[in-house]
């Protein structure tokens, strides 16, 4: 699982006009999965189920 920043640089993720992170393949906004015990937030594409991590 790679980070959001690396995926944005590689072109796997984009930002829409409202600065929301979207999957470059599916063009869908990412869903968020929070675990209160960790410092990372998991971002998931609802269509292709690819996961990326984001440090809070």
PDB file of N, CA and C in Angstrom:
ATOM      1  N   UNK A   1       0.859  -1.166   0.000  1.00  0.00           N
ATOM      2  CA  UNK A   1       0.000   0.000   0.000  1.00  0.00           C
ATOM      3  C   UNK A   1       0.909   1.234   0.000  1.00  0.00           C
ATOM      4  N   UNK A   2       0.737   2.095  -0.989  1.00  0.00           N
ATOM      5  CA  UNK A   2       1.562   3.292  -1.029  1.00  0.00           C
ATOM      6  C   UNK A   2       0.834   4.499  -0.458  1.00  0.00           C
ATOM      7  N   UNK A   3       1.583   5.555  -0.305  1.00  0.00           N
ATOM      8  CA  UNK A   3       1.003   6.758   0.287  1.00  0.00           C
ATOM      9  C   UNK A   3       0.272   7.579  -0.780  1.00  0.00           C
ATOM     10  N   UNK A   4      -0.582   8.463  -0.301  1.00  0.00           N
ATOM     11  CA  UNK A   4      -1.342   9.352  -1.183  1.00  0.00           C
ATOM     12  C   UNK A   4      -0.395  10.238  -1.987  1.00  0.00           C
ATOM     13  N   UNK A   5       0.638  10.777  -1.342  1.00  0.00           N
ATOM     14  CA  UNK A   5       1.574  11.674  -2.026  1.00  0.00           C
ATOM     15  C   UNK A   5       2.296  10.991  -3.174  1.00  0.00           C
ATOM     16  N   UNK A   6       2.773   9.758  -2.940  1.00  0.00           N
ATOM     17  CA  UNK A   6       3.459   9.017  -4.004  1.00  0.00           C
ATOM     18  C   UNK A   6       2.517   8.720  -5.158  1.00  0.00           C
ATOM     19  N   UNK A   7       1.282   8.352  -4.846  1.00  0.00           N
ATOM     20  CA  UNK A   7       0.308   8.046  -5.889  1.00  0.00           C
ATOM     21  C   UNK A   7      -0.058   9.292  -6.701  1.00  0.00           C
ATOM     22  N   UNK A   8      -0.117  10.450  -6.051  1.00  0.00           N
ATOM     23  CA  UNK A   8      -0.383  11.697  -6.781  1.00  0.00           C
ATOM     24  C   UNK A   8       0.771  12.016  -7.738  1.00  0.00           C
ATOM     25  N   UNK A   9       2.001  11.807  -7.283  1.00  0.00           N
ATOM     26  CA  UNK A   9       3.170  12.056  -8.143  1.00  0.00           C
ATOM     27  C   UNK A   9       3.236  11.093  -9.320  1.00  0.00           C
ATOM     28  N   UNK A  10       2.847   9.829  -9.095  1.00  0.00           N
ATOM     29  CA  UNK A  10       2.895   8.824 -10.155  1.00  0.00           C
ATOM     30  C   UNK A  10       1.727   8.951 -11.141  1.00  0.00           C
ATOM     31  N   UNK A  11       0.685   9.680 -10.762  1.00  0.00           N
ATOM     32  CA  UNK A  11      -0.471   9.831 -11.630  1.00  0.00           C
ATOM     33  C   UNK A  11      -1.570   8.811 -11.378  1.00  0.00           C
ATOM     34  N   UNK A  12      -1.440   8.017 -10.308  1.00  0.00           N
ATOM     35  CA  UNK A  12      -2.476   7.055  -9.962  1.00  0.00           C
ATOM     36  C   UNK A  12      -3.697   7.739  -9.349  1.00  0.00           C
ATOM     37  N   UNK A  13      -3.485   8.899  -8.748  1.00  0.00           N
ATOM     38  CA  UNK A  13      -4.556   9.696  -8.154  1.00  0.00           C
ATOM     39  C   UNK A  13      -4.512  11.097  -8.746  1.00  0.00           C
ATOM     40  N   UNK A  14      -5.666  11.749  -8.775  1.00  0.00           N
ATOM     41  CA  UNK A  14      -5.779  13.137  -9.230  1.00  0.00           C
ATOM     42  C   UNK A  14      -6.571  13.915  -8.198  1.00  0.00           C
ATOM     43  N   UNK A  15      -6.652  15.211  -8.402  1.00  0.00           N
ATOM     44  CA  UNK A  15      -7.526  16.046  -7.582  1.00  0.00           C
ATOM     45  C   UNK A  15      -8.547  16.692  -8.503  1.00  0.00           C
ATOM     46  N   UNK A  16      -9.799  16.757  -8.039  1.00  0.00           N
ATOM     47  CA  UNK A  16     -10.838  17.369  -8.850  1.00  0.00           C
ATOM     48  C   UNK A  16     -10.874  18.877  -8.608  1.00  0.00           C
ATOM     49  N   UNK A  17     -11.870  19.548  -9.136  1.00  0.00           N
ATOM     50  CA  UNK A  17     -11.937  21.004  -9.025  1.00  0.00           C
ATOM     51  C   UNK A  17     -12.141  21.491  -7.596  1.00  0.00           C
ATOM     52  N   UNK A  18     -12.621  20.615  -6.720  1.00  0.00           N
ATOM     53  CA  UNK A  18     -12.815  20.969  -5.317  1.00  0.00           C
ATOM     54  C   UNK A  18     -11.683  20.465  -4.438  1.00  0.00           C
ATOM     55  N   UNK A  19     -10.549  20.040  -5.056  1.00  0.00           N
ATOM     56  CA  UNK A  19      -9.353  19.540  -4.367  1.00  0.00           C
ATOM     57  C   UNK A  19      -9.593  18.232  -3.632  1.00  0.00           C
ATOM     58  N   UNK A  20     -10.616  17.461  -4.036  1.00  0.00           N
ATOM     59  CA  UNK A  20     -10.834  16.127  -3.488  1.00  0.00           C
ATOM     60  C   UNK A  20      -9.953  15.153  -4.255  1.00  0.00           C
ATOM     61  N   UNK A  21      -9.426  14.166  -3.562  1.00  0.00           N
ATOM     62  CA  UNK A  21      -8.574  13.165  -4.198  1.00  0.00           C
ATOM     63  C   UNK A  21      -9.471  12.133  -4.867  1.00  0.00           C
ATOM     64  N   UNK A  22      -9.216  11.867  -6.171  1.00  0.00           N
ATOM     65  CA  UNK A  22      -9.997  10.907  -6.936  1.00  0.00           C
ATOM     66  C   UNK A  22      -9.070   9.893  -7.592  1.00  0.00           C
ATOM     67  N   UNK A  23      -9.573   8.694  -7.811  1.00  0.00           N
ATOM     68  CA  UNK A  23      -8.828   7.641  -8.494  1.00  0.00           C
ATOM     69  C   UNK A  23      -8.694   8.023  -9.969  1.00  0.00           C
ATOM     70  N   UNK A  24      -7.482   7.941 -10.513  1.00  0.00           N
ATOM     71  CA  UNK A  24      -7.251   8.330 -11.907  1.00  0.00           C
ATOM     72  C   UNK A  24      -7.888   7.339 -12.875  1.00  0.00           C
ATOM     73  N   UNK A  25      -7.971   6.063 -12.508  1.00  0.00           N
ATOM     74  CA  UNK A  25      -8.550   5.053 -13.388  1.00  0.00           C
ATOM     75  C   UNK A  25     -10.074   5.125 -13.424  1.00  0.00           C
ATOM     76  N   UNK A  26     -10.697   5.233 -12.265  1.00  0.00           N
ATOM     77  CA  UNK A  26     -12.159   5.177 -12.154  1.00  0.00           C
ATOM     78  C   UNK A  26     -12.812   6.554 -12.148  1.00  0.00           C
ATOM     79  N   UNK A  27     -12.040   7.580 -11.810  1.00  0.00           N
ATOM     80  CA  UNK A  27     -12.537   8.956 -11.704  1.00  0.00           C
ATOM     81  C   UNK A  27     -13.610   9.099 -10.613  1.00  0.00           C
ATOM     82  N   UNK A  28     -13.451   8.318  -9.536  1.00  0.00           N
ATOM     83  CA  UNK A  28     -14.373   8.365  -8.396  1.00  0.00           C
ATOM     84  C   UNK A  28     -13.652   8.921  -7.176  1.00  0.00           C
ATOM     85  N   UNK A  29     -14.337   9.717  -6.330  1.00  0.00           N
ATOM     86  CA  UNK A  29     -13.714  10.197  -5.085  1.00  0.00           C
ATOM     87  C   UNK A  29     -13.444   9.037  -4.140  1.00  0.00           C
ATOM     88  N   UNK A  30     -12.382   9.148  -3.366  1.00  0.00           N
ATOM     89  CA  UNK A  30     -11.977   8.081  -2.454  1.00  0.00           C
ATOM     90  C   UNK A  30     -12.789   8.115  -1.168  1.00  0.00           C
ATOM     91  N   UNK A  31     -13.057   6.943  -0.627  1.00  0.00           N
ATOM     92  CA  UNK A  31     -13.714   6.798   0.670  1.00  0.00           C
ATOM     93  C   UNK A  31     -12.635   6.721   1.748  1.00  0.00           C
ATOM     94  N   UNK A  32     -12.990   7.040   2.990  1.00  0.00           N
ATOM     95  CA  UNK A  32     -12.046   7.075   4.097  1.00  0.00           C
ATOM     96  C   UNK A  32     -12.383   6.000   5.110  1.00  0.00           C
ATOM     97  N   UNK A  33     -11.338   5.326   5.592  1.00  0.00           N
ATOM     98  CA  UNK A  33     -11.484   4.320   6.641  1.00  0.00           C
ATOM     99  C   UNK A  33     -10.524   4.695   7.765  1.00  0.00           C
ATOM    100  N   UNK A  34     -11.054   5.126   8.907  1.00  0.00           N
ATOM    101  CA  UNK A  34     -10.238   5.566  10.030  1.00  0.00           C
ATOM    102  C   UNK A  34     -10.130   4.484  11.086  1.00  0.00           C
ATOM    103  N   UNK A  35      -8.930   4.305  11.598  1.00  0.00           N
ATOM    104  CA  UNK A  35      -8.691   3.427  12.739  1.00  0.00           C
ATOM    105  C   UNK A  35      -8.112   4.307  13.838  1.00  0.00           C
ATOM    106  N   UNK A  36      -8.816   4.492  14.952  1.00  0.00           N
ATOM    107  CA  UNK A  36      -8.348   5.408  15.991  1.00  0.00           C
ATOM    108  C   UNK A  36      -7.050   4.985  16.665  1.00  0.00           C
ATOM    109  N   UNK A  37      -6.647   3.736  16.507  1.00  0.00           N
ATOM    110  CA  UNK A  37      -5.430   3.258  17.155  1.00  0.00           C
ATOM    111  C   UNK A  37      -4.160   3.502  16.338  1.00  0.00           C
ATOM    112  N   UNK A  38      -4.288   3.951  15.092  1.00  0.00           N
ATOM    113  CA  UNK A  38      -3.115   4.187  14.246  1.00  0.00           C
ATOM    114  C   UNK A  38      -3.073   5.646  13.812  1.00  0.00           C
ATOM    115  N   UNK A  39      -1.912   6.061  13.319  1.00  0.00           N
ATOM    116  CA  UNK A  39      -1.788   7.447  12.862  1.00  0.00           C
ATOM    117  C   UNK A  39      -2.094   7.596  11.379  1.00  0.00           C
ATOM    118  N   UNK A  40      -2.384   6.481  10.710  1.00  0.00           N
ATOM    119  CA  UNK A  40      -2.686   6.554   9.286  1.00  0.00           C
ATOM    120  C   UNK A  40      -4.178   6.432   9.035  1.00  0.00           C
ATOM    121  N   UNK A  41      -4.606   7.018   7.936  1.00  0.00           N
ATOM    122  CA  UNK A  41      -5.967   6.894   7.449  1.00  0.00           C
ATOM    123  C   UNK A  41      -5.893   6.130   6.140  1.00  0.00           C
ATOM    124  N   UNK A  42      -6.734   5.157   5.955  1.00  0.00           N
ATOM    125  CA  UNK A  42      -6.760   4.373   4.730  1.00  0.00           C
ATOM    126  C   UNK A  42      -7.795   4.986   3.790  1.00  0.00           C
ATOM    127  N   UNK A  43      -7.366   5.291   2.562  1.00  0.00           N
ATOM    128  CA  UNK A  43      -8.258   5.837   1.540  1.00  0.00           C
ATOM    129  C   UNK A  43      -8.493   4.744   0.507  1.00  0.00           C
ATOM    130  N   UNK A  44      -9.755   4.486   0.159  1.00  0.00           N
ATOM    131  CA  UNK A  44     -10.131   3.366  -0.695  1.00  0.00           C
ATOM    132  C   UNK A  44     -10.964   3.868  -1.869  1.00  0.00           C
ATOM    133  N   UNK A  45     -10.642   3.368  -3.060  1.00  0.00           N
ATOM    134  CA  UNK A  45     -11.474   3.649  -4.230  1.00  0.00           C
ATOM    135  C   UNK A  45     -12.691   2.731  -4.165  1.00  0.00           C
ATOM    136  N   UNK A  46     -13.910   3.272  -4.233  1.00  0.00           N
ATOM    137  CA  UNK A  46     -15.094   2.429  -4.103  1.00  0.00           C
ATOM    138  C   UNK A  46     -15.320   1.508  -5.299  1.00  0.00           C
ATOM    139  N   UNK A  47     -14.741   1.824  -6.435  1.00  0.00           N
ATOM    140  CA  UNK A  47     -14.988   1.015  -7.624  1.00  0.00           C
ATOM    141  C   UNK A  47     -13.950  -0.092  -7.821  1.00  0.00           C
ATOM    142  N   UNK A  48     -12.659   0.245  -7.725  1.00  0.00           N
ATOM    143  CA  UNK A  48     -11.625  -0.767  -7.983  1.00  0.00           C
ATOM    144  C   UNK A  48     -11.004  -1.320  -6.696  1.00  0.00           C
ATOM    145  N   UNK A  49     -11.410  -0.808  -5.526  1.00  0.00           N
ATOM    146  CA  UNK A  49     -10.962  -1.277  -4.201  1.00  0.00           C
ATOM    147  C   UNK A  49      -9.456  -1.166  -3.981  1.00  0.00           C
ATOM    148  N   UNK A  50      -8.791  -0.260  -4.662  1.00  0.00           N
ATOM    149  CA  UNK A  50      -7.379  -0.006  -4.421  1.00  0.00           C
ATOM    150  C   UNK A  50      -7.262   0.847  -3.157  1.00  0.00           C
ATOM    151  N   UNK A  51      -6.216   0.573  -2.339  1.00  0.00           N
ATOM    152  CA  UNK A  51      -6.064   1.275  -1.066  1.00  0.00           C
ATOM    153  C   UNK A  51      -4.777   2.091  -1.050  1.00  0.00           C
ATOM    154  N   UNK A  52      -4.832   3.258  -0.419  1.00  0.00           N
ATOM    155  CA  UNK A  52      -3.674   4.118  -0.194  1.00  0.00           C
ATOM    156  C   UNK A  52      -3.705   4.566   1.255  1.00  0.00           C
ATOM    157  N   UNK A  53      -2.532   4.881   1.815  1.00  0.00           N
ATOM    158  CA  UNK A  53      -2.501   5.343   3.203  1.00  0.00           C
ATOM    159  C   UNK A  53      -2.165   6.831   3.230  1.00  0.00           C
ATOM    160  N   UNK A  54      -2.681   7.482   4.246  1.00  0.00           N
ATOM    161  CA  UNK A  54      -2.471   8.922   4.445  1.00  0.00           C
ATOM    162  C   UNK A  54      -2.157   9.127   5.913  1.00  0.00           C
ATOM    163  N   UNK A  55      -1.066   9.825   6.194  1.00  0.00           N
ATOM    164  CA  UNK A  55      -0.710  10.099   7.581  1.00  0.00           C
ATOM    165  C   UNK A  55      -1.442  11.344   8.040  1.00  0.00           C
ATOM    166  N   UNK A  56      -2.087  11.226   9.208  1.00  0.00           N
ATOM    167  CA  UNK A  56      -2.853  12.354   9.746  1.00  0.00           C
ATOM    168  C   UNK A  56      -1.961  13.362  10.385  1.00  0.00           C
TER     169      UNK A  56
END
